[in-house]
Amino acid sequence: MVSLDDYIDDGEGDDEGPDVAADFAALKGCLQALADAIASTNLAVINGAQGDVQAATQRVQASIGALKRFHEAFGVLTSGDEEAPLEEPDDEG
């Protein structure tokens, strides 16, 4: 397997952050989650057109799960930004 780190030009500074491998993993996760969401949405439309409401519902739920995975992976990519996030989840009930 080829390491993408060999092809990254760091330049003169360390502006990219300390963990480039985590960024690549997060980017891969983002792309995979988007592909899953698109495929699930397409299948939901097909199932809905065929009148199979239960299968369409399952595909929509899978699409929502994929979009949640995308959001989590994208959060890793944007965590290095200096701006504060627009919304912070409230873990305290």
PDB file of N, CA and C in Angstrom:
ATOM      1  N   MET A   1       0.852  -1.171   0.000  1.00  0.00           N
ATOM      2  CA  MET A   1       0.000   0.000   0.000  1.00  0.00           C
ATOM      3  C   MET A   1       0.899   1.236   0.000  1.00  0.00           C
ATOM      4  N   VAL A   2       0.481   2.238  -0.737  1.00  0.00           N
ATOM      5  CA  VAL A   2       1.229   3.478  -0.852  1.00  0.00           C
ATOM      6  C   VAL A   2       0.830   4.410   0.282  1.00  0.00           C
ATOM      7  N   SER A   3       1.816   5.012   0.894  1.00  0.00           N
ATOM      8  CA  SER A   3       1.554   5.978   1.955  1.00  0.00           C
ATOM      9  C   SER A   3       1.415   7.360   1.335  1.00  0.00           C
ATOM     10  N   LEU A   4       0.310   8.021   1.598  1.00  0.00           N
ATOM     11  CA  LEU A   4       0.089   9.356   1.053  1.00  0.00           C
ATOM     12  C   LEU A   4       1.001  10.390   1.685  1.00  0.00           C
ATOM     13  N   ASP A   5       1.555  10.086   2.841  1.00  0.00           N
ATOM     14  CA  ASP A   5       2.470  11.017   3.504  1.00  0.00           C
ATOM     15  C   ASP A   5       3.699  11.291   2.650  1.00  0.00           C
ATOM     16  N   ASP A   6       4.073  10.341   1.795  1.00  0.00           N
ATOM     17  CA  ASP A   6       5.238  10.531   0.934  1.00  0.00           C
ATOM     18  C   ASP A   6       5.001  11.610  -0.115  1.00  0.00           C
ATOM     19  N   TYR A   7       3.747  11.911  -0.414  1.00  0.00           N
ATOM     20  CA  TYR A   7       3.417  12.850  -1.474  1.00  0.00           C
ATOM     21  C   TYR A   7       2.950  14.205  -0.965  1.00  0.00           C
ATOM     22  N   ILE A   8       2.981  14.404   0.325  1.00  0.00           N
ATOM     23  CA  ILE A   8       2.537  15.664   0.910  1.00  0.00           C
ATOM     24  C   ILE A   8       3.743  16.582   1.059  1.00  0.00           C
ATOM     25  N   ASP A   9       3.612  17.777   0.501  1.00  0.00           N
ATOM     26  CA  ASP A   9       4.672  18.769   0.629  1.00  0.00           C
ATOM     27  C   ASP A   9       4.376  19.604   1.867  1.00  0.00           C
ATOM     28  N   ASP A  10       5.183  19.424   2.900  1.00  0.00           N
ATOM     29  CA  ASP A  10       4.952  20.137   4.153  1.00  0.00           C
ATOM     30  C   ASP A  10       5.270  21.620   4.040  1.00  0.00           C
ATOM     31  N   GLY A  11       6.060  22.001   3.073  1.00  0.00           N
ATOM     32  CA  GLY A  11       6.424  23.404   2.940  1.00  0.00           C
ATOM     33  C   GLY A  11       7.406  23.791   4.027  1.00  0.00           C
ATOM     34  N   GLU A  12       7.300  25.028   4.465  1.00  0.00           N
ATOM     35  CA  GLU A  12       8.248  25.527   5.461  1.00  0.00           C
ATOM     36  C   GLU A  12       7.707  25.471   6.877  1.00  0.00           C
ATOM     37  N   GLY A  13       6.403  25.347   7.041  1.00  0.00           N
ATOM     38  CA  GLY A  13       5.830  25.378   8.385  1.00  0.00           C
ATOM     39  C   GLY A  13       4.992  24.153   8.657  1.00  0.00           C
ATOM     40  N   ASP A  14       4.497  24.085   9.861  1.00  0.00           N
ATOM     41  CA  ASP A  14       3.625  22.982  10.273  1.00  0.00           C
ATOM     42  C   ASP A  14       2.192  23.473  10.393  1.00  0.00           C
ATOM     43  N   ASP A  15       1.697  24.139   9.347  1.00  0.00           N
ATOM     44  CA  ASP A  15       0.352  24.700   9.386  1.00  0.00           C
ATOM     45  C   ASP A  15      -0.731  23.635   9.251  1.00  0.00           C
ATOM     46  N   GLU A  16      -0.375  22.441   8.802  1.00  0.00           N
ATOM     47  CA  GLU A  16      -1.369  21.422   8.529  1.00  0.00           C
ATOM     48  C   GLU A  16      -1.840  20.695   9.781  1.00  0.00           C
ATOM     49  N   GLY A  17      -1.148  20.811  10.850  1.00  0.00           N
ATOM     50  CA  GLY A  17      -1.545  20.110  12.063  1.00  0.00           C
ATOM     51  C   GLY A  17      -0.677  18.889  12.270  1.00  0.00           C
ATOM     52  N   PRO A  18      -0.696  18.353  13.471  1.00  0.00           N
ATOM     53  CA  PRO A  18       0.232  17.273  13.809  1.00  0.00           C
ATOM     54  C   PRO A  18      -0.171  15.898  13.278  1.00  0.00           C
ATOM     55  N   ASP A  19      -1.435  15.681  12.997  1.00  0.00           N
ATOM     56  CA  ASP A  19      -1.854  14.324  12.686  1.00  0.00           C
ATOM     57  C   ASP A  19      -2.471  14.245  11.296  1.00  0.00           C
ATOM     58  N   VAL A  20      -1.613  14.185  10.297  1.00  0.00           N
ATOM     59  CA  VAL A  20      -2.071  14.126   8.914  1.00  0.00           C
ATOM     60  C   VAL A  20      -2.761  12.799   8.638  1.00  0.00           C
ATOM     61  N   ALA A  21      -2.296  11.723   9.253  1.00  0.00           N
ATOM     62  CA  ALA A  21      -2.898  10.404   9.042  1.00  0.00           C
ATOM     63  C   ALA A  21      -4.352  10.389   9.509  1.00  0.00           C
ATOM     64  N   ALA A  22      -4.638  11.049  10.609  1.00  0.00           N
ATOM     65  CA  ALA A  22      -6.017  11.112  11.098  1.00  0.00           C
ATOM     66  C   ALA A  22      -6.895  11.905  10.131  1.00  0.00           C
ATOM     67  N   ASP A  23      -6.314  12.941   9.526  1.00  0.00           N
ATOM     68  CA  ASP A  23      -7.067  13.713   8.538  1.00  0.00           C
ATOM     69  C   ASP A  23      -7.401  12.862   7.322  1.00  0.00           C
ATOM     70  N   PHE A  24      -6.440  12.061   6.868  1.00  0.00           N
ATOM     71  CA  PHE A  24      -6.708  11.181   5.729  1.00  0.00           C
ATOM     72  C   PHE A  24      -7.759  10.131   6.069  1.00  0.00           C
ATOM     73  N   ALA A  25      -7.685   9.590   7.273  1.00  0.00           N
ATOM     74  CA  ALA A  25      -8.685   8.601   7.698  1.00  0.00           C
ATOM     75  C   ALA A  25     -10.067   9.251   7.780  1.00  0.00           C
ATOM     76  N   ALA A  26     -10.124  10.473   8.283  1.00  0.00           N
ATOM     77  CA  ALA A  26     -11.399  11.178   8.375  1.00  0.00           C
ATOM     78  C   ALA A  26     -11.938  11.510   6.987  1.00  0.00           C
ATOM     79  N   LEU A  27     -11.053  11.901   6.082  1.00  0.00           N
ATOM     80  CA  LEU A  27     -11.473  12.194   4.713  1.00  0.00           C
ATOM     81  C   LEU A  27     -12.006  10.938   4.036  1.00  0.00           C
ATOM     82  N   LYS A  28     -11.321   9.818   4.244  1.00  0.00           N
ATOM     83  CA  LYS A  28     -11.794   8.547   3.695  1.00  0.00           C
ATOM     84  C   LYS A  28     -13.157   8.196   4.288  1.00  0.00           C
ATOM     85  N   GLY A  29     -13.315   8.403   5.579  1.00  0.00           N
ATOM     86  CA  GLY A  29     -14.597   8.141   6.232  1.00  0.00           C
ATOM     87  C   GLY A  29     -15.701   9.033   5.691  1.00  0.00           C
ATOM     88  N   CYS A  30     -15.380  10.306   5.433  1.00  0.00           N
ATOM     89  CA  CYS A  30     -16.360  11.232   4.861  1.00  0.00           C
ATOM     90  C   CYS A  30     -16.826  10.755   3.494  1.00  0.00           C
ATOM     91  N   LEU A  31     -15.861  10.400   2.654  1.00  0.00           N
ATOM     92  CA  LEU A  31     -16.204   9.977   1.295  1.00  0.00           C
ATOM     93  C   LEU A  31     -17.001   8.678   1.299  1.00  0.00           C
ATOM     94  N   GLN A  32     -16.616   7.742   2.157  1.00  0.00           N
ATOM     95  CA  GLN A  32     -17.344   6.476   2.228  1.00  0.00           C
ATOM     96  C   GLN A  32     -18.768   6.686   2.743  1.00  0.00           C
ATOM     97  N   ALA A  33     -18.909   7.539   3.746  1.00  0.00           N
ATOM     98  CA  ALA A  33     -20.247   7.808   4.294  1.00  0.00           C
ATOM     99  C   ALA A  33     -21.131   8.502   3.267  1.00  0.00           C
ATOM    100  N   LEU A  34     -20.562   9.430   2.498  1.00  0.00           N
ATOM    101  CA  LEU A  34     -21.354  10.083   1.457  1.00  0.00           C
ATOM    102  C   LEU A  34     -21.769   9.101   0.374  1.00  0.00           C
ATOM    103  N   ALA A  35     -20.864   8.220  -0.019  1.00  0.00           N
ATOM    104  CA  ALA A  35     -21.196   7.202  -1.015  1.00  0.00           C
ATOM    105  C   ALA A  35     -22.307   6.291  -0.493  1.00  0.00           C
ATOM    106  N   ASP A  36     -22.223   5.897   0.770  1.00  0.00           N
ATOM    107  CA  ASP A  36     -23.265   5.061   1.381  1.00  0.00           C
ATOM    108  C   ASP A  36     -24.611   5.788   1.416  1.00  0.00           C
ATOM    109  N   ALA A  37     -24.581   7.076   1.763  1.00  0.00           N
ATOM    110  CA  ALA A  37     -25.817   7.852   1.834  1.00  0.00           C
ATOM    111  C   ALA A  37     -26.464   7.982   0.460  1.00  0.00           C
ATOM    112  N   ILE A  38     -25.653   8.228  -0.550  1.00  0.00           N
ATOM    113  CA  ILE A  38     -26.184   8.355  -1.908  1.00  0.00           C
ATOM    114  C   ILE A  38     -26.783   7.032  -2.375  1.00  0.00           C
ATOM    115  N   ALA A  39     -26.066   5.947  -2.150  1.00  0.00           N
ATOM    116  CA  ALA A  39     -26.559   4.631  -2.571  1.00  0.00           C
ATOM    117  C   ALA A  39     -27.850   4.280  -1.833  1.00  0.00           C
ATOM    118  N   SER A  40     -27.894   4.530  -0.542  1.00  0.00           N
ATOM    119  CA  SER A  40     -29.100   4.223   0.237  1.00  0.00           C
ATOM    120  C   SER A  40     -30.282   5.072  -0.199  1.00  0.00           C
ATOM    121  N   THR A  41     -30.020   6.336  -0.495  1.00  0.00           N
ATOM    122  CA  THR A  41     -31.095   7.215  -0.955  1.00  0.00           C
ATOM    123  C   THR A  41     -31.627   6.757  -2.312  1.00  0.00           C
ATOM    124  N   ASN A  42     -30.726   6.389  -3.209  1.00  0.00           N
ATOM    125  CA  ASN A  42     -31.162   5.886  -4.521  1.00  0.00           C
ATOM    126  C   ASN A  42     -32.003   4.623  -4.372  1.00  0.00           C
ATOM    127  N   LEU A  43     -31.574   3.724  -3.511  1.00  0.00           N
ATOM    128  CA  LEU A  43     -32.355   2.502  -3.293  1.00  0.00           C
ATOM    129  C   LEU A  43     -33.701   2.803  -2.648  1.00  0.00           C
ATOM    130  N   ALA A  44     -33.749   3.799  -1.768  1.00  0.00           N
ATOM    131  CA  ALA A  44     -35.015   4.179  -1.150  1.00  0.00           C
ATOM    132  C   ALA A  44     -35.994   4.693  -2.204  1.00  0.00           C
ATOM    133  N   VAL A  45     -35.490   5.483  -3.145  1.00  0.00           N
ATOM    134  CA  VAL A  45     -36.347   6.000  -4.215  1.00  0.00           C
ATOM    135  C   VAL A  45     -36.857   4.851  -5.077  1.00  0.00           C
ATOM    136  N   ILE A  46     -35.972   3.915  -5.416  1.00  0.00           N
ATOM    137  CA  ILE A  46     -36.377   2.764  -6.229  1.00  0.00           C
ATOM    138  C   ILE A  46     -37.409   1.919  -5.493  1.00  0.00           C
ATOM    139  N   ASN A  47     -37.145   1.626  -4.214  1.00  0.00           N
ATOM    140  CA  ASN A  47     -38.094   0.835  -3.429  1.00  0.00           C
ATOM    141  C   ASN A  47     -39.432   1.549  -3.287  1.00  0.00           C
ATOM    142  N   GLY A  48     -39.385   2.861  -3.107  1.00  0.00           N
ATOM    143  CA  GLY A  48     -40.620   3.627  -2.998  1.00  0.00           C
ATOM    144  C   GLY A  48     -41.411   3.600  -4.294  1.00  0.00           C
ATOM    145  N   ALA A  49     -40.722   3.696  -5.410  1.00  0.00           N
ATOM    146  CA  ALA A  49     -41.395   3.650  -6.711  1.00  0.00           C
ATOM    147  C   ALA A  49     -42.009   2.280  -6.970  1.00  0.00           C
ATOM    148  N   GLN A  50     -41.423   1.255  -6.409  1.00  0.00           N
ATOM    149  CA  GLN A  50     -41.941  -0.100  -6.574  1.00  0.00           C
ATOM    150  C   GLN A  50     -43.054  -0.407  -5.578  1.00  0.00           C
ATOM    151  N   GLY A  51     -43.304   0.510  -4.672  1.00  0.00           N
ATOM    152  CA  GLY A  51     -44.376   0.320  -3.700  1.00  0.00           C
ATOM    153  C   GLY A  51     -43.966  -0.431  -2.452  1.00  0.00           C
ATOM    154  N   ASP A  52     -42.686  -0.676  -2.273  1.00  0.00           N
ATOM    155  CA  ASP A  52     -42.192  -1.397  -1.092  1.00  0.00           C
ATOM    156  C   ASP A  52     -41.811  -0.374  -0.015  1.00  0.00           C
ATOM    157  N   VAL A  53     -42.793   0.042   0.746  1.00  0.00           N
ATOM    158  CA  VAL A  53     -42.609   1.102   1.729  1.00  0.00           C
ATOM    159  C   VAL A  53     -41.653   0.682   2.838  1.00  0.00           C
ATOM    160  N   GLN A  54     -41.740  -0.554   3.266  1.00  0.00           N
ATOM    161  CA  GLN A  54     -40.875  -1.024   4.349  1.00  0.00           C
ATOM    162  C   GLN A  54     -39.407  -0.991   3.928  1.00  0.00           C
ATOM    163  N   ALA A  55     -39.104  -1.457   2.724  1.00  0.00           N
ATOM    164  CA  ALA A  55     -37.720  -1.430   2.241  1.00  0.00           C
ATOM    165  C   ALA A  55     -37.244   0.004   2.053  1.00  0.00           C
ATOM    166  N   ALA A  56     -38.124   0.877   1.563  1.00  0.00           N
ATOM    167  CA  ALA A  56     -37.766   2.284   1.387  1.00  0.00           C
ATOM    168  C   ALA A  56     -37.449   2.927   2.739  1.00  0.00           C
ATOM    169  N   THR A  57     -38.240   2.586   3.749  1.00  0.00           N
ATOM    170  CA  THR A  57     -38.010   3.129   5.089  1.00  0.00           C
ATOM    171  C   THR A  57     -36.665   2.679   5.641  1.00  0.00           C
ATOM    172  N   GLN A  58     -36.326   1.416   5.436  1.00  0.00           N
ATOM    173  CA  GLN A  58     -35.031   0.909   5.891  1.00  0.00           C
ATOM    174  C   GLN A  58     -33.882   1.621   5.180  1.00  0.00           C
ATOM    175  N   ARG A  59     -34.024   1.880   3.891  1.00  0.00           N
ATOM    176  CA  ARG A  59     -32.986   2.572   3.127  1.00  0.00           C
ATOM    177  C   ARG A  59     -32.833   4.015   3.589  1.00  0.00           C
ATOM    178  N   VAL A  60     -33.947   4.674   3.909  1.00  0.00           N
ATOM    179  CA  VAL A  60     -33.877   6.046   4.408  1.00  0.00           C
ATOM    180  C   VAL A  60     -33.158   6.067   5.753  1.00  0.00           C
ATOM    181  N   GLN A  61     -33.459   5.096   6.621  1.00  0.00           N
ATOM    182  CA  GLN A  61     -32.773   5.018   7.904  1.00  0.00           C
ATOM    183  C   GLN A  61     -31.276   4.768   7.715  1.00  0.00           C
ATOM    184  N   ALA A  62     -30.914   3.938   6.745  1.00  0.00           N
ATOM    185  CA  ALA A  62     -29.496   3.693   6.457  1.00  0.00           C
ATOM    186  C   ALA A  62     -28.830   4.959   5.936  1.00  0.00           C
ATOM    187  N   SER A  63     -29.549   5.712   5.135  1.00  0.00           N
ATOM    188  CA  SER A  63     -29.015   6.969   4.611  1.00  0.00           C
ATOM    189  C   SER A  63     -28.780   7.973   5.735  1.00  0.00           C
ATOM    190  N   ILE A  64     -29.709   8.045   6.665  1.00  0.00           N
ATOM    191  CA  ILE A  64     -29.551   8.948   7.815  1.00  0.00           C
ATOM    192  C   ILE A  64     -28.349   8.534   8.652  1.00  0.00           C
ATOM    193  N   GLY A  65     -28.175   7.234   8.857  1.00  0.00           N
ATOM    194  CA  GLY A  65     -27.009   6.746   9.592  1.00  0.00           C
ATOM    195  C   GLY A  65     -25.708   7.105   8.888  1.00  0.00           C
ATOM    196  N   ALA A  66     -25.693   6.999   7.569  1.00  0.00           N
ATOM    197  CA  ALA A  66     -24.491   7.355   6.801  1.00  0.00           C
ATOM    198  C   ALA A  66     -24.209   8.845   6.900  1.00  0.00           C
ATOM    199  N   LEU A  67     -25.257   9.662   6.882  1.00  0.00           N
ATOM    200  CA  LEU A  67     -25.048  11.102   7.018  1.00  0.00           C
ATOM    201  C   LEU A  67     -24.537  11.469   8.407  1.00  0.00           C
ATOM    202  N   LYS A  68     -24.958  10.740   9.423  1.00  0.00           N
ATOM    203  CA  LYS A  68     -24.427  10.959  10.773  1.00  0.00           C
ATOM    204  C   LYS A  68     -22.944  10.597  10.828  1.00  0.00           C
ATOM    205  N   ARG A  69     -22.568   9.485  10.157  1.00  0.00           N
ATOM    206  CA  ARG A  69     -21.150   9.115  10.089  1.00  0.00           C
ATOM    207  C   ARG A  69     -20.347  10.183   9.360  1.00  0.00           C
ATOM    208  N   PHE A  70     -20.926  10.741   8.298  1.00  0.00           N
ATOM    209  CA  PHE A  70     -20.263  11.829   7.577  1.00  0.00           C
ATOM    210  C   PHE A  70     -20.037  13.018   8.493  1.00  0.00           C
ATOM    211  N   HIS A  71     -21.056  13.383   9.257  1.00  0.00           N
ATOM    212  CA  HIS A  71     -20.953  14.528  10.157  1.00  0.00           C
ATOM    213  C   HIS A  71     -19.847  14.317  11.189  1.00  0.00           C
ATOM    214  N   GLU A  72     -19.757  13.109  11.736  1.00  0.00           N
ATOM    215  CA  GLU A  72     -18.716  12.808  12.722  1.00  0.00           C
ATOM    216  C   GLU A  72     -17.328  12.876  12.096  1.00  0.00           C
ATOM    217  N   ALA A  73     -17.169  12.298  10.912  1.00  0.00           N
ATOM    218  CA  ALA A  73     -15.866  12.314  10.250  1.00  0.00           C
ATOM    219  C   ALA A  73     -15.488  13.728   9.831  1.00  0.00           C
ATOM    220  N   PHE A  74     -16.454  14.504   9.383  1.00  0.00           N
ATOM    221  CA  PHE A  74     -16.189  15.878   8.988  1.00  0.00           C
ATOM    222  C   PHE A  74     -15.793  16.707  10.199  1.00  0.00           C
ATOM    223  N   GLY A  75     -16.350  16.375  11.356  1.00  0.00           N
ATOM    224  CA  GLY A  75     -15.975  17.064  12.587  1.00  0.00           C
ATOM    225  C   GLY A  75     -14.503  16.890  12.918  1.00  0.00           C
ATOM    226  N   VAL A  76     -13.951  15.725  12.596  1.00  0.00           N
ATOM    227  CA  VAL A  76     -12.520  15.498  12.813  1.00  0.00           C
ATOM    228  C   VAL A  76     -11.710  16.403  11.895  1.00  0.00           C
ATOM    229  N   LEU A  77     -12.170  16.560  10.658  1.00  0.00           N
ATOM    230  CA  LEU A  77     -11.446  17.402   9.706  1.00  0.00           C
ATOM    231  C   LEU A  77     -11.482  18.865  10.110  1.00  0.00           C
ATOM    232  N   THR A  78     -12.597  19.312  10.653  1.00  0.00           N
ATOM    233  CA  THR A  78     -12.729  20.728  11.002  1.00  0.00           C
ATOM    234  C   THR A  78     -12.324  21.024  12.436  1.00  0.00           C
ATOM    235  N   SER A  79     -11.917  20.016  13.200  1.00  0.00           N
ATOM    236  CA  SER A  79     -11.574  20.250  14.604  1.00  0.00           C
ATOM    237  C   SER A  79     -10.334  21.115  14.758  1.00  0.00           C
ATOM    238  N   GLY A  80      -9.503  21.177  13.751  1.00  0.00           N
ATOM    239  CA  GLY A  80      -8.298  21.996  13.814  1.00  0.00           C
ATOM    240  C   GLY A  80      -8.543  23.458  13.511  1.00  0.00           C
ATOM    241  N   ASP A  81      -9.746  23.786  13.037  1.00  0.00           N
ATOM    242  CA  ASP A  81     -10.061  25.177  12.737  1.00  0.00           C
ATOM    243  C   ASP A  81     -10.082  25.986  14.022  1.00  0.00           C
ATOM    244  N   GLU A  82      -9.683  27.239  13.904  1.00  0.00           N
ATOM    245  CA  GLU A  82      -9.629  28.080  15.095  1.00  0.00           C
ATOM    246  C   GLU A  82     -10.989  28.645  15.463  1.00  0.00           C
ATOM    247  N   GLU A  83     -11.925  28.659  14.522  1.00  0.00           N
ATOM    248  CA  GLU A  83     -13.254  29.177  14.819  1.00  0.00           C
ATOM    249  C   GLU A  83     -14.004  28.186  15.704  1.00  0.00           C
ATOM    250  N   ALA A  84     -14.824  28.713  16.559  1.00  0.00           N
ATOM    251  CA  ALA A  84     -15.640  27.853  17.428  1.00  0.00           C
ATOM    252  C   ALA A  84     -16.744  27.226  16.589  1.00  0.00           C
ATOM    253  N   PRO A  85     -17.131  25.994  16.902  1.00  0.00           N
ATOM    254  CA  PRO A  85     -18.226  25.385  16.158  1.00  0.00           C
ATOM    255  C   PRO A  85     -19.536  26.134  16.386  1.00  0.00           C
ATOM    256  N   LEU A  86     -20.416  26.081  15.387  1.00  0.00           N
ATOM    257  CA  LEU A  86     -21.681  26.798  15.487  1.00  0.00           C
ATOM    258  C   LEU A  86     -22.578  26.220  16.569  1.00  0.00           C
ATOM    259  N   GLU A  87     -22.591  24.890  16.648  1.00  0.00           N
ATOM    260  CA  GLU A  87     -23.406  24.230  17.662  1.00  0.00           C
ATOM    261  C   GLU A  87     -22.558  23.204  18.389  1.00  0.00           C
ATOM    262  N   GLU A  88     -22.701  23.187  19.684  1.00  0.00           N
ATOM    263  CA  GLU A  88     -22.026  22.166  20.464  1.00  0.00           C
ATOM    264  C   GLU A  88     -23.086  21.266  21.071  1.00  0.00           C
ATOM    265  N   PRO A  89     -22.900  19.953  20.948  1.00  0.00           N
ATOM    266  CA  PRO A  89     -23.906  19.049  21.514  1.00  0.00           C
ATOM    267  C   PRO A  89     -23.964  19.167  23.029  1.00  0.00           C
ATOM    268  N   ASP A  90     -25.160  19.061  23.555  1.00  0.00           N
ATOM    269  CA  ASP A  90     -25.373  19.151  24.988  1.00  0.00           C
ATOM    270  C   ASP A  90     -25.411  17.737  25.541  1.00  0.00           C
ATOM    271  N   ASP A  91     -24.285  17.283  26.104  1.00  0.00           N
ATOM    272  CA  ASP A  91     -24.199  15.929  26.638  1.00  0.00           C
ATOM    273  C   ASP A  91     -24.890  15.807  27.982  1.00  0.00           C
ATOM    274  N   GLU A  92     -25.075  16.922  28.646  1.00  0.00           N
ATOM    275  CA  GLU A  92     -25.732  16.890  29.942  1.00  0.00           C
ATOM    276  C   GLU A  92     -27.230  16.995  29.738  1.00  0.00           C
ATOM    277  N   GLY A  93     -27.967  16.088  30.319  1.00  0.00           N
ATOM    278  CA  GLY A  93     -29.404  16.033  30.105  1.00  0.00           C
ATOM    279  C   GLY A  93     -30.113  16.978  30.925  1.00  0.00           C
TER     280      GLY A  93
END
